[in-house]
C-alpha atoms as a PDB file:
ATOM      1  CA  UNK A   1     108.413 102.942 125.377  1.00  0.00           C
ATOM      2  CA  UNK A   2     110.459 103.481 122.217  1.00  0.00           C
ATOM      3  CA  UNK A   3     111.974 100.362 120.670  1.00  0.00           C
ATOM      4  CA  UNK A   4     115.565 101.654 120.763  1.00  0.00           C
ATOM      5  CA  UNK A   5     115.294 102.543 124.454  1.00  0.00           C
ATOM      6  CA  UNK A   6     113.772  99.153 125.349  1.00  0.00           C
ATOM      7  CA  UNK A   7     116.596  97.326 123.557  1.00  0.00           C
ATOM      8  CA  UNK A   8     119.187  99.322 125.504  1.00  0.00           C
ATOM      9  CA  UNK A   9     117.488  99.120 128.930  1.00  0.00           C
ATOM     10  CA  UNK A  10     116.876  95.367 128.537  1.00  0.00           C
ATOM     11  CA  UNK A  11     120.480  94.986 127.373  1.00  0.00           C
ATOM     12  CA  UNK A  12     119.486  93.062 124.245  1.00  0.00           C
ATOM     13  CA  UNK A  13     121.657  95.633 122.437  1.00  0.00           C
ATOM     14  CA  UNK A  14     124.462  97.399 124.269  1.00  0.00           C
ATOM     15  CA  UNK A  15     123.988 101.004 123.103  1.00  0.00           C
ATOM     16  CA  UNK A  16     120.921 102.978 122.059  1.00  0.00           C
ATOM     17  CA  UNK A  17     122.666 104.358 118.969  1.00  0.00           C
ATOM     18  CA  UNK A  18     123.433 100.803 117.841  1.00  0.00           C
ATOM     19  CA  UNK A  19     119.792  99.817 118.488  1.00  0.00           C
ATOM     20  CA  UNK A  20     118.710 102.724 116.262  1.00  0.00           C
ATOM     21  CA  UNK A  21     121.087 101.686 113.471  1.00  0.00           C
ATOM     22  CA  UNK A  22     119.960  98.050 113.563  1.00  0.00           C
ATOM     23  CA  UNK A  23     116.264  98.961 113.484  1.00  0.00           C
ATOM     24  CA  UNK A  24     116.772 101.528 110.699  1.00  0.00           C
ATOM     25  CA  UNK A  25     118.409  98.748 108.635  1.00  0.00           C
ATOM     26  CA  UNK A  26     115.168  96.752 108.890  1.00  0.00           C
ATOM     27  CA  UNK A  27     116.611  93.967 111.045  1.00  0.00           C
ATOM     28  CA  UNK A  28     114.008  94.223 113.824  1.00  0.00           C
ATOM     29  CA  UNK A  29     110.344  93.266 113.698  1.00  0.00           C
ATOM     30  CA  UNK A  30     107.556  93.837 116.212  1.00  0.00           C
ATOM     31  CA  UNK A  31     104.797  91.217 115.946  1.00  0.00           C
ATOM     32  CA  UNK A  32     105.947  90.324 112.424  1.00  0.00           C
ATOM     33  CA  UNK A  33     106.091  93.889 111.079  1.00  0.00           C
ATOM     34  CA  UNK A  34     109.292  95.796 110.352  1.00  0.00           C
ATOM     35  CA  UNK A  35     109.979  98.348 113.078  1.00  0.00           C
ATOM     36  CA  UNK A  36     111.836 101.638 113.285  1.00  0.00           C
ATOM     37  CA  UNK A  37     113.716 102.914 116.342  1.00  0.00           C
ATOM     38  CA  UNK A  38     110.820 105.213 117.240  1.00  0.00           C
ATOM     39  CA  UNK A  39     108.235 102.386 117.211  1.00  0.00           C
ATOM     40  CA  UNK A  40     106.375 101.904 120.484  1.00  0.00           C
ATOM     41  CA  UNK A  41     106.657  98.569 122.299  1.00  0.00           C
ATOM     42  CA  UNK A  42     104.381  97.245 125.032  1.00  0.00           C
ATOM     43  CA  UNK A  43     104.107  94.188 127.258  1.00  0.00           C
ATOM     44  CA  UNK A  44     103.197  91.115 125.208  1.00  0.00           C
ATOM     45  CA  UNK A  45     104.837  92.277 121.964  1.00  0.00           C
ATOM     46  CA  UNK A  46     107.132  89.807 120.209  1.00  0.00           C
ATOM     47  CA  UNK A  47     110.412  91.169 118.851  1.00  0.00           C
ATOM     48  CA  UNK A  48     112.500  89.415 116.221  1.00  0.00           C
ATOM     49  CA  UNK A  49     116.081  90.648 115.967  1.00  0.00           C
ATOM     50  CA  UNK A  50     118.589  89.656 113.290  1.00  0.00           C
ATOM     51  CA  UNK A  51     122.040  90.313 114.725  1.00  0.00           C
ATOM     52  CA  UNK A  52     124.971  88.984 112.749  1.00  0.00           C
ATOM     53  CA  UNK A  53     124.440  85.245 112.289  1.00  0.00           C
ATOM     54  CA  UNK A  54     121.811  85.095 115.042  1.00  0.00           C
ATOM     55  CA  UNK A  55     118.049  85.417 114.881  1.00  0.00           C
ATOM     56  CA  UNK A  56     116.455  86.028 118.261  1.00  0.00           C
ATOM     57  CA  UNK A  57     112.740  86.121 119.051  1.00  0.00           C
ATOM     58  CA  UNK A  58     111.673  87.466 122.453  1.00  0.00           C
ATOM     59  CA  UNK A  59     108.404  88.395 124.159  1.00  0.00           C
ATOM     60  CA  UNK A  60     108.325  91.571 126.248  1.00  0.00           C
ATOM     61  CA  UNK A  61     107.353  90.789 129.845  1.00  0.00           C
ATOM     62  CA  UNK A  62     108.004  94.144 131.553  1.00  0.00           C
ATOM     63  CA  UNK A  63     108.644  97.748 130.631  1.00  0.00           C
ATOM     64  CA  UNK A  64     110.951  99.737 132.925  1.00  0.00           C
ATOM     65  CA  UNK A  65     112.659 103.088 132.418  1.00  0.00           C
ATOM     66  CA  UNK A  66     115.852 101.848 134.074  1.00  0.00           C
ATOM     67  CA  UNK A  67     117.022  98.515 135.378  1.00  0.00           C
ATOM     68  CA  UNK A  68     120.017  96.903 136.995  1.00  0.00           C
ATOM     69  CA  UNK A  69     122.125  94.491 134.992  1.00  0.00           C
ATOM     70  CA  UNK A  70     120.947  91.533 137.078  1.00  0.00           C
ATOM     71  CA  UNK A  71     117.276  92.362 136.435  1.00  0.00           C
ATOM     72  CA  UNK A  72     117.490  93.230 132.726  1.00  0.00           C
ATOM     73  CA  UNK A  73     116.829  89.661 131.531  1.00  0.00           C
ATOM     74  CA  UNK A  74     113.528  89.660 133.458  1.00  0.00           C
ATOM     75  CA  UNK A  75     112.150  92.237 130.994  1.00  0.00           C
ATOM     76  CA  UNK A  76     111.799  89.616 128.247  1.00  0.00           C
ATOM     77  CA  UNK A  77     111.477  85.884 127.594  1.00  0.00           C
ATOM     78  CA  UNK A  78     113.476  84.249 124.823  1.00  0.00           C
ATOM     79  CA  UNK A  79     111.054  82.336 122.604  1.00  0.00           C
ATOM     80  CA  UNK A  80     113.473  81.232 119.903  1.00  0.00           C
ATOM     81  CA  UNK A  81     117.156  81.603 119.137  1.00  0.00           C
ATOM     82  CA  UNK A  82     118.745  80.288 115.987  1.00  0.00           C
ATOM     83  CA  UNK A  83     121.874  80.663 113.960  1.00  0.00           C
ATOM     84  CA  UNK A  84     121.389  81.716 110.365  1.00  0.00           C
ATOM     85  CA  UNK A  85     123.800  81.530 107.484  1.00  0.00           C
ATOM     86  CA  UNK A  86     124.776  84.908 106.076  1.00  0.00           C
ATOM     87  CA  UNK A  87     122.933  85.678 102.829  1.00  0.00           C
ATOM     88  CA  UNK A  88     125.800  87.817 101.501  1.00  0.00           C
ATOM     89  CA  UNK A  89     128.147  84.834 101.146  1.00  0.00           C
ATOM     90  CA  UNK A  90     126.209  81.779  99.972  1.00  0.00           C
ATOM     91  CA  UNK A  91     128.170  78.565 100.406  1.00  0.00           C
ATOM     92  CA  UNK A  92     128.234  76.338  97.303  1.00  0.00           C
END
């Protein structure tokens, strides 16, 4: 499945167009390598997403074409979640 579609179906990112923008900005990695929206993901892959001041690492557990809101979180396991300081505004 394409990365942008997985992010939308799993509800890690709300809209597919936003998932495409974020990945095209180089803020998503698959197994430690920078990923584009068209990259293919599979069960067992680890995704690292940098969203705002959050860095989220998840492992893909299931791939589904569609899912209900209640079941979306079952598609991945959160491995690590941390807050990061923005690099644009270093604090002295």
